[in-house]
Amino acid sequence: MRDNLTWMSEFVLMGLSSDRQIQAGLFVFFGAAYLLTLLGNGLIVLLIGLDMRLHQPMYFFLCNLAMLDICYTSSGVPQMLVHFLLEKKTISFSRCATQLFFSLALGGTKFLLLAAMAYDLMGPRRCTALAMVSWLVGLANSAVETAVTMRLPTCGHHMLNHVSCETLALVRLACVDITLNLLVIMASSVMVLLLPCCMVSLSYAHIVVTILRIRSSGGCRKAFGTCASHLTVVSMSYGMALVTYMQPSSTASAEKDKVVVLFYAVLTPMLKPLIYSLRNKEMKAALSRVLMRSSEPKL
């Protein structure tokens, strides 16, 4: 049996559509979304780096999340844009493994950082330690999941029904027992998705109870407004990923998986700066100060 097992040197990504006009439209749409992601998140990193008033724990985590969003989106979107322009959409085995590793590492780290951010930790050392732990856990989790996924033989199957090298799409190509892979995916999902999501939910439940005790209606509305924007980002980040990866053995269509991946790889990083950061009064004030300093005449 083992003599018939083969590992492919490259995969062919089927993408979203084979229609050339549709691919051209998708190239424009996702290209614009990618540029907005780079600009929005890059601006957040720049403002937090330049303005000393933003050197606080919350903005430390925001800066980390913005950098993660830039790197996470860049791990797959540029290749997807190039493939929209190509007839044959191939990716080598080594590039596929590299892409899978970085997307899992950056995605897992992002989920863990969101959980850390939900708690009011004022000490800079503790914030730095939590960020380092999040990065280390994300990298270790990705290394294990990438190793058990890329070891799977495909017996000649090389048509990957996805826009990128994604865990579930690769597991579906396997021609051997995938029980170990499903267990690893489930354990990984519990560690970097379910547990952080539960921690965030408990934190926000406590925040909501505290807000309801505020006697001032104006203060209550303001607090709910801030909380709502945070919850929007958390829901966008955790929601669809939980639905997909907490039931890896389900018969959900590959098309649904593509939508999920594109949602949190392209749309969420693009919208997050608008929802989470640039609506923040302190971020707006920092932007004004940076623009004023840059417009001042140099002596």
C-alpha atoms as a PDB file:
ATOM      1  CA  MET A   1       0.000   0.000   0.000  1.00  0.00           C
ATOM      2  CA  ARG A   2       2.789   2.384   0.946  1.00  0.00           C
ATOM      3  CA  ASP A   3       4.415   1.934  -2.474  1.00  0.00           C
ATOM      4  CA  ASN A   4       1.413   3.679  -4.049  1.00  0.00           C
ATOM      5  CA  LEU A   5       1.652   6.733  -1.792  1.00  0.00           C
ATOM      6  CA  THR A   6       2.959   9.860  -3.498  1.00  0.00           C
ATOM      7  CA  TRP A   7       3.645  13.440  -2.459  1.00  0.00           C
ATOM      8  CA  MET A   8       3.163  16.174  -5.051  1.00  0.00           C
ATOM      9  CA  SER A   9       5.936  18.651  -5.926  1.00  0.00           C
ATOM     10  CA  GLU A  10       3.336  21.328  -6.667  1.00  0.00           C
ATOM     11  CA  PHE A  11      -0.384  22.029  -6.373  1.00  0.00           C
ATOM     12  CA  VAL A  12      -2.828  23.736  -8.714  1.00  0.00           C
ATOM     13  CA  LEU A  13      -5.113  26.216  -6.924  1.00  0.00           C
ATOM     14  CA  MET A  14      -8.604  26.233  -8.433  1.00  0.00           C
ATOM     15  CA  GLY A  15      -9.358  29.717  -7.067  1.00  0.00           C
ATOM     16  CA  LEU A  16     -12.746  31.416  -7.095  1.00  0.00           C
ATOM     17  CA  SER A  17     -13.696  31.332 -10.769  1.00  0.00           C
ATOM     18  CA  SER A  18     -12.363  30.244 -14.154  1.00  0.00           C
ATOM     19  CA  ASP A  19     -14.114  33.108 -15.969  1.00  0.00           C
ATOM     20  CA  ARG A  20     -11.537  35.692 -17.077  1.00  0.00           C
ATOM     21  CA  GLN A  21     -13.877  38.692 -16.694  1.00  0.00           C
ATOM     22  CA  ILE A  22     -14.878  37.665 -13.190  1.00  0.00           C
ATOM     23  CA  GLN A  23     -11.210  37.164 -12.295  1.00  0.00           C
ATOM     24  CA  ALA A  24     -10.412  40.672 -13.555  1.00  0.00           C
ATOM     25  CA  GLY A  25     -13.169  42.107 -11.362  1.00  0.00           C
ATOM     26  CA  LEU A  26     -11.944  40.096  -8.369  1.00  0.00           C
ATOM     27  CA  PHE A  27      -8.405  41.356  -8.985  1.00  0.00           C
ATOM     28  CA  VAL A  28      -9.604  44.979  -8.776  1.00  0.00           C
ATOM     29  CA  PHE A  29     -11.765  44.353  -5.689  1.00  0.00           C
ATOM     30  CA  PHE A  30      -9.232  42.376  -3.650  1.00  0.00           C
ATOM     31  CA  GLY A  31      -6.371  44.588  -4.841  1.00  0.00           C
ATOM     32  CA  ALA A  32      -8.185  47.657  -3.507  1.00  0.00           C
ATOM     33  CA  ALA A  33      -9.024  45.835  -0.252  1.00  0.00           C
ATOM     34  CA  TYR A  34      -5.368  44.845   0.177  1.00  0.00           C
ATOM     35  CA  LEU A  35      -4.162  48.424  -0.354  1.00  0.00           C
ATOM     36  CA  LEU A  36      -6.707  49.729   2.170  1.00  0.00           C
ATOM     37  CA  THR A  37      -5.545  47.085   4.652  1.00  0.00           C
ATOM     38  CA  LEU A  38      -1.918  48.156   4.273  1.00  0.00           C
ATOM     39  CA  LEU A  39      -2.771  51.858   4.539  1.00  0.00           C
ATOM     40  CA  GLY A  40      -5.165  51.561   7.502  1.00  0.00           C
ATOM     41  CA  ASN A  41      -3.055  49.210   9.602  1.00  0.00           C
ATOM     42  CA  GLY A  42       0.184  50.911   8.568  1.00  0.00           C
ATOM     43  CA  LEU A  43      -1.231  54.240   9.760  1.00  0.00           C
ATOM     44  CA  ILE A  44      -2.074  52.698  13.144  1.00  0.00           C
ATOM     45  CA  VAL A  45       1.475  51.361  13.573  1.00  0.00           C
ATOM     46  CA  LEU A  46       2.917  54.728  12.511  1.00  0.00           C
ATOM     47  CA  LEU A  47       0.748  56.795  14.871  1.00  0.00           C
ATOM     48  CA  ILE A  48       1.392  54.562  17.868  1.00  0.00           C
ATOM     49  CA  GLY A  49       5.112  54.614  17.147  1.00  0.00           C
ATOM     50  CA  LEU A  50       5.318  58.401  16.724  1.00  0.00           C
ATOM     51  CA  ASP A  51       2.981  59.615  19.482  1.00  0.00           C
ATOM     52  CA  MET A  52       4.286  59.084  23.035  1.00  0.00           C
ATOM     53  CA  ARG A  53       0.772  59.570  24.457  1.00  0.00           C
ATOM     54  CA  LEU A  54      -0.244  56.299  22.806  1.00  0.00           C
ATOM     55  CA  HIS A  55       2.540  54.306  24.472  1.00  0.00           C
ATOM     56  CA  GLN A  56      -0.004  52.568  26.701  1.00  0.00           C
ATOM     57  CA  PRO A  57      -0.915  48.866  27.106  1.00  0.00           C
ATOM     58  CA  MET A  58      -4.056  49.014  24.953  1.00  0.00           C
ATOM     59  CA  TYR A  59      -2.236  50.697  22.072  1.00  0.00           C
ATOM     60  CA  PHE A  60       0.699  48.312  22.453  1.00  0.00           C
ATOM     61  CA  PHE A  61      -1.700  45.455  21.677  1.00  0.00           C
ATOM     62  CA  LEU A  62      -3.371  47.461  18.908  1.00  0.00           C
ATOM     63  CA  CYS A  63       0.020  47.980  17.290  1.00  0.00           C
ATOM     64  CA  ASN A  64       0.730  44.253  17.497  1.00  0.00           C
ATOM     65  CA  LEU A  65      -2.656  43.428  15.975  1.00  0.00           C
ATOM     66  CA  ALA A  66      -2.164  45.938  13.160  1.00  0.00           C
ATOM     67  CA  MET A  67       1.242  44.442  12.294  1.00  0.00           C
ATOM     68  CA  LEU A  68      -0.271  40.952  12.446  1.00  0.00           C
ATOM     69  CA  ASP A  69      -3.051  41.975  10.065  1.00  0.00           C
ATOM     70  CA  ILE A  70      -0.527  43.391   7.586  1.00  0.00           C
ATOM     71  CA  CYS A  71       1.609  40.230   7.701  1.00  0.00           C
ATOM     72  CA  TYR A  72      -1.358  37.836   7.732  1.00  0.00           C
ATOM     73  CA  THR A  73      -2.976  39.425   4.690  1.00  0.00           C
ATOM     74  CA  SER A  74       0.382  39.617   2.912  1.00  0.00           C
ATOM     75  CA  SER A  75       0.949  35.880   3.425  1.00  0.00           C
ATOM     76  CA  GLY A  76      -1.747  35.010   0.888  1.00  0.00           C
ATOM     77  CA  VAL A  77      -3.368  37.943  -0.890  1.00  0.00           C
ATOM     78  CA  PRO A  78      -0.451  38.993  -3.185  1.00  0.00           C
ATOM     79  CA  GLN A  79      -0.232  35.444  -4.514  1.00  0.00           C
ATOM     80  CA  MET A  80      -4.004  35.343  -5.001  1.00  0.00           C
ATOM     81  CA  LEU A  81      -3.869  38.616  -6.961  1.00  0.00           C
ATOM     82  CA  VAL A  82      -1.130  37.246  -9.235  1.00  0.00           C
ATOM     83  CA  HIS A  83      -3.150  34.077  -9.816  1.00  0.00           C
ATOM     84  CA  PHE A  84      -6.138  36.140 -10.970  1.00  0.00           C
ATOM     85  CA  LEU A  85      -3.952  37.168 -13.920  1.00  0.00           C
ATOM     86  CA  LEU A  86      -2.535  33.712 -14.704  1.00  0.00           C
ATOM     87  CA  GLU A  87      -4.054  30.856 -16.665  1.00  0.00           C
ATOM     88  CA  LYS A  88      -2.385  28.132 -14.582  1.00  0.00           C
ATOM     89  CA  LYS A  89      -2.412  28.799 -10.847  1.00  0.00           C
ATOM     90  CA  THR A  90       0.371  26.616  -9.433  1.00  0.00           C
ATOM     91  CA  ILE A  91       2.221  26.708  -6.131  1.00  0.00           C
ATOM     92  CA  SER A  92       5.221  24.560  -5.208  1.00  0.00           C
ATOM     93  CA  PHE A  93       5.124  22.169  -2.243  1.00  0.00           C
ATOM     94  CA  SER A  94       7.682  24.244  -0.273  1.00  0.00           C
ATOM     95  CA  ARG A  95       5.861  27.546  -0.939  1.00  0.00           C
ATOM     96  CA  CYS A  96       2.579  25.902   0.031  1.00  0.00           C
ATOM     97  CA  ALA A  97       4.052  24.676   3.339  1.00  0.00           C
ATOM     98  CA  THR A  98       5.561  28.117   4.025  1.00  0.00           C
ATOM     99  CA  GLN A  99       2.273  29.880   3.303  1.00  0.00           C
ATOM    100  CA  LEU A 100       0.351  27.456   5.518  1.00  0.00           C
ATOM    101  CA  PHE A 101       2.826  27.885   8.389  1.00  0.00           C
ATOM    102  CA  PHE A 102       2.719  31.691   8.369  1.00  0.00           C
ATOM    103  CA  SER A 103      -1.049  31.950   7.935  1.00  0.00           C
ATOM    104  CA  LEU A 104      -1.645  29.567  10.867  1.00  0.00           C
ATOM    105  CA  ALA A 105       1.004  31.239  13.053  1.00  0.00           C
ATOM    106  CA  LEU A 106      -0.192  34.792  12.411  1.00  0.00           C
ATOM    107  CA  GLY A 107      -3.880  33.869  12.652  1.00  0.00           C
ATOM    108  CA  GLY A 108      -3.418  31.948  15.910  1.00  0.00           C
ATOM    109  CA  THR A 109      -1.328  34.733  17.455  1.00  0.00           C
ATOM    110  CA  LYS A 110      -4.007  37.267  16.504  1.00  0.00           C
ATOM    111  CA  PHE A 111      -6.748  35.298  18.291  1.00  0.00           C
ATOM    112  CA  LEU A 112      -4.602  34.986  21.426  1.00  0.00           C
ATOM    113  CA  LEU A 113      -3.705  38.705  21.431  1.00  0.00           C
ATOM    114  CA  LEU A 114      -7.381  39.659  21.158  1.00  0.00           C
ATOM    115  CA  ALA A 115      -8.014  37.636  24.323  1.00  0.00           C
ATOM    116  CA  ALA A 116      -5.089  39.296  26.138  1.00  0.00           C
ATOM    117  CA  MET A 117      -6.345  42.699  25.070  1.00  0.00           C
ATOM    118  CA  ALA A 118      -9.755  42.111  26.623  1.00  0.00           C
ATOM    119  CA  TYR A 119      -8.231  42.335  30.104  1.00  0.00           C
ATOM    120  CA  ASP A 120      -7.105  45.593  31.694  1.00  0.00           C
ATOM    121  CA  LEU A 121      -3.427  44.886  32.251  1.00  0.00           C
ATOM    122  CA  MET A 122      -1.624  48.119  33.060  1.00  0.00           C
ATOM    123  CA  GLY A 123       1.931  46.877  33.602  1.00  0.00           C
ATOM    124  CA  PRO A 124       4.112  47.174  30.482  1.00  0.00           C
ATOM    125  CA  ARG A 125       6.162  44.127  31.488  1.00  0.00           C
ATOM    126  CA  ARG A 126       3.051  42.010  31.801  1.00  0.00           C
ATOM    127  CA  CYS A 127       1.790  43.244  28.437  1.00  0.00           C
ATOM    128  CA  THR A 128       5.111  42.414  26.783  1.00  0.00           C
ATOM    129  CA  ALA A 129       5.144  38.976  28.418  1.00  0.00           C
ATOM    130  CA  LEU A 130       1.593  38.244  27.242  1.00  0.00           C
ATOM    131  CA  ALA A 131       2.433  39.326  23.705  1.00  0.00           C
ATOM    132  CA  MET A 132       5.530  37.101  23.682  1.00  0.00           C
ATOM    133  CA  VAL A 133       3.544  34.113  24.985  1.00  0.00           C
ATOM    134  CA  SER A 134       0.879  34.707  22.317  1.00  0.00           C
ATOM    135  CA  TRP A 135       3.527  34.763  19.574  1.00  0.00           C
ATOM    136  CA  LEU A 136       5.296  31.652  20.907  1.00  0.00           C
ATOM    137  CA  VAL A 137       2.059  29.661  21.273  1.00  0.00           C
ATOM    138  CA  GLY A 138       0.943  30.755  17.800  1.00  0.00           C
ATOM    139  CA  LEU A 139       4.265  29.686  16.246  1.00  0.00           C
ATOM    140  CA  ALA A 140       4.372  26.351  18.103  1.00  0.00           C
ATOM    141  CA  ASN A 141       0.772  25.542  17.224  1.00  0.00           C
ATOM    142  CA  SER A 142       1.419  26.373  13.575  1.00  0.00           C
ATOM    143  CA  ALA A 143       4.570  24.241  13.436  1.00  0.00           C
ATOM    144  CA  VAL A 144       2.694  21.166  14.685  1.00  0.00           C
ATOM    145  CA  GLU A 145      -0.351  21.667  12.440  1.00  0.00           C
ATOM    146  CA  THR A 146       1.768  22.383   9.358  1.00  0.00           C
ATOM    147  CA  ALA A 147       3.932  19.298   9.969  1.00  0.00           C
ATOM    148  CA  VAL A 148       1.011  16.864  10.297  1.00  0.00           C
ATOM    149  CA  THR A 149      -0.782  18.425   7.304  1.00  0.00           C
ATOM    150  CA  MET A 150       2.108  18.490   4.828  1.00  0.00           C
ATOM    151  CA  ARG A 151       3.129  14.900   5.653  1.00  0.00           C
ATOM    152  CA  LEU A 152      -0.089  13.602   4.065  1.00  0.00           C
ATOM    153  CA  PRO A 153       0.336  11.826   0.714  1.00  0.00           C
ATOM    154  CA  THR A 154      -2.187  12.729  -1.987  1.00  0.00           C
ATOM    155  CA  CYS A 155      -1.678   9.764  -4.368  1.00  0.00           C
ATOM    156  CA  GLY A 156      -1.404  11.977  -7.432  1.00  0.00           C
ATOM    157  CA  HIS A 157      -4.189  14.422  -6.538  1.00  0.00           C
ATOM    158  CA  HIS A 158      -2.905  17.961  -6.943  1.00  0.00           C
ATOM    159  CA  MET A 159      -5.988  20.105  -7.697  1.00  0.00           C
ATOM    160  CA  LEU A 160      -6.478  22.159  -4.529  1.00  0.00           C
ATOM    161  CA  ASN A 161      -9.995  23.593  -4.438  1.00  0.00           C
ATOM    162  CA  HIS A 162      -9.055  26.813  -2.683  1.00  0.00           C
ATOM    163  CA  VAL A 163      -7.491  30.255  -3.186  1.00  0.00           C
ATOM    164  CA  SER A 164      -4.486  29.422  -0.996  1.00  0.00           C
ATOM    165  CA  CYS A 165      -2.837  26.558   0.876  1.00  0.00           C
ATOM    166  CA  GLU A 166      -5.328  26.050   3.680  1.00  0.00           C
ATOM    167  CA  THR A 167      -5.434  23.202   6.212  1.00  0.00           C
ATOM    168  CA  LEU A 168      -8.862  21.730   5.470  1.00  0.00           C
ATOM    169  CA  ALA A 169      -8.364  21.948   1.704  1.00  0.00           C
ATOM    170  CA  LEU A 170      -5.051  20.058   1.959  1.00  0.00           C
ATOM    171  CA  VAL A 171      -6.496  17.430   4.312  1.00  0.00           C
ATOM    172  CA  ARG A 172      -9.299  16.763   1.811  1.00  0.00           C
ATOM    173  CA  LEU A 173      -6.693  15.759  -0.799  1.00  0.00           C
ATOM    174  CA  ALA A 174      -5.197  13.037   1.421  1.00  0.00           C
ATOM    175  CA  CYS A 175      -5.513   9.389   0.391  1.00  0.00           C
ATOM    176  CA  VAL A 176      -4.746   7.974   3.865  1.00  0.00           C
ATOM    177  CA  ASP A 177      -6.435   8.004   7.263  1.00  0.00           C
ATOM    178  CA  ILE A 178      -6.755  11.603   8.511  1.00  0.00           C
ATOM    179  CA  THR A 179      -7.918  10.910  12.082  1.00  0.00           C
ATOM    180  CA  LEU A 180      -4.718  12.367  13.557  1.00  0.00           C
ATOM    181  CA  ASN A 181      -5.121  15.516  11.457  1.00  0.00           C
ATOM    182  CA  LEU A 182      -8.708  16.025  12.579  1.00  0.00           C
ATOM    183  CA  LEU A 183      -7.658  15.610  16.217  1.00  0.00           C
ATOM    184  CA  VAL A 184      -4.825  18.127  15.786  1.00  0.00           C
ATOM    185  CA  ILE A 185      -7.146  20.630  14.074  1.00  0.00           C
ATOM    186  CA  MET A 186      -9.702  20.224  16.866  1.00  0.00           C
ATOM    187  CA  ALA A 187      -7.087  20.602  19.633  1.00  0.00           C
ATOM    188  CA  SER A 188      -5.602  23.629  17.874  1.00  0.00           C
ATOM    189  CA  SER A 189      -9.041  25.206  17.498  1.00  0.00           C
ATOM    190  CA  VAL A 190      -9.772  24.750  21.197  1.00  0.00           C
ATOM    191  CA  MET A 191      -6.417  26.281  22.195  1.00  0.00           C
ATOM    192  CA  VAL A 192      -6.263  29.316  19.889  1.00  0.00           C
ATOM    193  CA  LEU A 193      -9.962  29.861  19.137  1.00  0.00           C
ATOM    194  CA  LEU A 194     -12.430  28.486  21.681  1.00  0.00           C
ATOM    195  CA  LEU A 195     -10.545  29.241  24.920  1.00  0.00           C
ATOM    196  CA  PRO A 196      -9.565  32.815  23.896  1.00  0.00           C
ATOM    197  CA  CYS A 197     -13.133  33.414  22.693  1.00  0.00           C
ATOM    198  CA  CYS A 198     -14.515  32.258  26.061  1.00  0.00           C
ATOM    199  CA  MET A 199     -12.042  34.523  27.889  1.00  0.00           C
ATOM    200  CA  VAL A 200     -13.106  37.498  25.765  1.00  0.00           C
ATOM    201  CA  SER A 201     -16.796  36.703  26.338  1.00  0.00           C
ATOM    202  CA  LEU A 202     -16.323  36.574  30.118  1.00  0.00           C
ATOM    203  CA  SER A 203     -14.400  39.842  30.062  1.00  0.00           C
ATOM    204  CA  TYR A 204     -17.077  41.654  28.064  1.00  0.00           C
ATOM    205  CA  ALA A 205     -19.859  40.180  30.206  1.00  0.00           C
ATOM    206  CA  HIS A 206     -18.141  41.750  33.219  1.00  0.00           C
ATOM    207  CA  ILE A 207     -17.766  45.048  31.306  1.00  0.00           C
ATOM    208  CA  VAL A 208     -21.468  45.073  30.365  1.00  0.00           C
ATOM    209  CA  VAL A 209     -22.488  44.493  34.004  1.00  0.00           C
ATOM    210  CA  THR A 210     -20.206  47.384  35.049  1.00  0.00           C
ATOM    211  CA  ILE A 211     -21.653  49.664  32.341  1.00  0.00           C
ATOM    212  CA  LEU A 212     -25.207  48.928  33.457  1.00  0.00           C
ATOM    213  CA  ARG A 213     -24.295  50.284  36.906  1.00  0.00           C
ATOM    214  CA  ILE A 214     -23.358  53.679  35.444  1.00  0.00           C
ATOM    215  CA  ARG A 215     -26.060  56.148  36.471  1.00  0.00           C
ATOM    216  CA  SER A 216     -25.276  58.754  33.830  1.00  0.00           C
ATOM    217  CA  SER A 217     -27.155  57.964  30.603  1.00  0.00           C
ATOM    218  CA  GLY A 218     -24.535  59.840  28.557  1.00  0.00           C
ATOM    219  CA  GLY A 219     -21.680  57.893  30.130  1.00  0.00           C
ATOM    220  CA  CYS A 220     -23.571  54.651  29.669  1.00  0.00           C
ATOM    221  CA  ARG A 221     -24.156  55.340  25.942  1.00  0.00           C
ATOM    222  CA  LYS A 222     -20.505  56.283  25.431  1.00  0.00           C
ATOM    223  CA  ALA A 223     -19.284  53.122  27.173  1.00  0.00           C
ATOM    224  CA  PHE A 224     -21.695  50.940  25.189  1.00  0.00           C
ATOM    225  CA  GLY A 225     -20.535  52.603  21.960  1.00  0.00           C
ATOM    226  CA  THR A 226     -16.893  51.766  22.684  1.00  0.00           C
ATOM    227  CA  CYS A 227     -17.787  48.257  23.828  1.00  0.00           C
ATOM    228  CA  ALA A 228     -19.925  47.649  20.729  1.00  0.00           C
ATOM    229  CA  SER A 229     -17.092  48.538  18.345  1.00  0.00           C
ATOM    230  CA  HIS A 230     -14.742  46.183  20.191  1.00  0.00           C
ATOM    231  CA  LEU A 231     -17.328  43.384  20.166  1.00  0.00           C
ATOM    232  CA  THR A 232     -17.850  43.876  16.423  1.00  0.00           C
ATOM    233  CA  VAL A 233     -14.165  43.222  15.750  1.00  0.00           C
ATOM    234  CA  VAL A 234     -14.076  40.240  18.135  1.00  0.00           C
ATOM    235  CA  SER A 235     -17.162  38.708  16.501  1.00  0.00           C
ATOM    236  CA  MET A 236     -15.710  39.217  13.029  1.00  0.00           C
ATOM    237  CA  SER A 237     -12.406  37.651  14.072  1.00  0.00           C
ATOM    238  CA  TYR A 238     -13.658  34.624  15.997  1.00  0.00           C
ATOM    239  CA  GLY A 239     -17.115  33.952  14.556  1.00  0.00           C
ATOM    240  CA  MET A 240     -16.620  32.368  11.144  1.00  0.00           C
ATOM    241  CA  ALA A 241     -13.310  30.728  12.107  1.00  0.00           C
ATOM    242  CA  LEU A 242     -15.024  28.936  15.014  1.00  0.00           C
ATOM    243  CA  VAL A 243     -17.827  27.673  12.771  1.00  0.00           C
ATOM    244  CA  THR A 244     -15.310  26.233  10.290  1.00  0.00           C
ATOM    245  CA  TYR A 245     -12.501  24.826  12.415  1.00  0.00           C
ATOM    246  CA  MET A 246     -14.482  23.500  15.388  1.00  0.00           C
ATOM    247  CA  GLN A 247     -16.109  20.957  13.051  1.00  0.00           C
ATOM    248  CA  PRO A 248     -13.286  19.996  10.652  1.00  0.00           C
ATOM    249  CA  SER A 249     -14.813  16.639   9.709  1.00  0.00           C
ATOM    250  CA  SER A 250     -18.086  18.182   8.534  1.00  0.00           C
ATOM    251  CA  THR A 251     -19.172  17.893   4.926  1.00  0.00           C
ATOM    252  CA  ALA A 252     -19.264  21.665   4.469  1.00  0.00           C
ATOM    253  CA  SER A 253     -18.509  22.704   0.917  1.00  0.00           C
ATOM    254  CA  ALA A 254     -15.119  23.931  -0.206  1.00  0.00           C
ATOM    255  CA  GLU A 255     -16.860  27.088  -1.463  1.00  0.00           C
ATOM    256  CA  LYS A 256     -17.944  27.911   2.086  1.00  0.00           C
ATOM    257  CA  ASP A 257     -14.349  27.466   3.304  1.00  0.00           C
ATOM    258  CA  LYS A 258     -13.148  29.898   0.630  1.00  0.00           C
ATOM    259  CA  VAL A 259     -15.651  32.524   1.771  1.00  0.00           C
ATOM    260  CA  VAL A 260     -14.586  32.099   5.403  1.00  0.00           C
ATOM    261  CA  VAL A 261     -10.882  32.420   4.588  1.00  0.00           C
ATOM    262  CA  LEU A 262     -11.418  35.469   2.373  1.00  0.00           C
ATOM    263  CA  PHE A 263     -13.594  37.078   5.048  1.00  0.00           C
ATOM    264  CA  TYR A 264     -11.007  36.988   7.815  1.00  0.00           C
ATOM    265  CA  ALA A 265      -7.953  37.228   5.536  1.00  0.00           C
ATOM    266  CA  VAL A 266      -9.102  40.228   3.478  1.00  0.00           C
ATOM    267  CA  LEU A 267     -12.259  41.940   4.731  1.00  0.00           C
ATOM    268  CA  THR A 268     -11.660  41.782   8.504  1.00  0.00           C
ATOM    269  CA  PRO A 269      -8.130  43.296   8.382  1.00  0.00           C
ATOM    270  CA  MET A 270      -9.446  46.000   6.025  1.00  0.00           C
ATOM    271  CA  LEU A 271     -12.409  46.973   8.219  1.00  0.00           C
ATOM    272  CA  LYS A 272     -10.696  46.603  11.595  1.00  0.00           C
ATOM    273  CA  PRO A 273      -8.817  49.958  11.531  1.00  0.00           C
ATOM    274  CA  LEU A 274     -12.071  51.793  10.748  1.00  0.00           C
ATOM    275  CA  ILE A 275     -14.114  50.025  13.413  1.00  0.00           C
ATOM    276  CA  TYR A 276     -11.546  49.546  16.144  1.00  0.00           C
ATOM    277  CA  SER A 277      -8.906  52.233  16.005  1.00  0.00           C
ATOM    278  CA  LEU A 278      -9.361  55.217  13.724  1.00  0.00           C
ATOM    279  CA  ARG A 279     -12.774  56.006  15.277  1.00  0.00           C
ATOM    280  CA  ASN A 280     -10.977  56.286  18.631  1.00  0.00           C
ATOM    281  CA  LYS A 281     -10.692  59.910  19.860  1.00  0.00           C
ATOM    282  CA  GLU A 282      -7.117  59.446  21.070  1.00  0.00           C
ATOM    283  CA  MET A 283      -6.081  58.002  17.698  1.00  0.00           C
ATOM    284  CA  LYS A 284      -7.730  60.924  15.893  1.00  0.00           C
ATOM    285  CA  ALA A 285      -5.963  63.392  18.186  1.00  0.00           C
ATOM    286  CA  ALA A 286      -2.649  61.633  17.551  1.00  0.00           C
ATOM    287  CA  LEU A 287      -3.239  61.855  13.790  1.00  0.00           C
ATOM    288  CA  SER A 288      -3.910  65.597  14.100  1.00  0.00           C
ATOM    289  CA  ARG A 289      -0.740  66.123  16.135  1.00  0.00           C
ATOM    290  CA  VAL A 290       1.391  64.162  13.640  1.00  0.00           C
ATOM    291  CA  LEU A 291      -0.069  66.107  10.691  1.00  0.00           C
ATOM    292  CA  MET A 292       0.508  69.419  12.481  1.00  0.00           C
ATOM    293  CA  ARG A 293       4.122  68.530  13.236  1.00  0.00           C
ATOM    294  CA  SER A 294       4.751  67.471   9.650  1.00  0.00           C
ATOM    295  CA  SER A 295       3.261  70.719   8.299  1.00  0.00           C
ATOM    296  CA  GLU A 296       5.306  72.984  10.584  1.00  0.00           C
ATOM    297  CA  PRO A 297       8.065  74.842   8.725  1.00  0.00           C
ATOM    298  CA  LYS A 298      11.544  73.544   9.468  1.00  0.00           C
ATOM    299  CA  LEU A 299      14.008  76.145  10.736  1.00  0.00           C
END
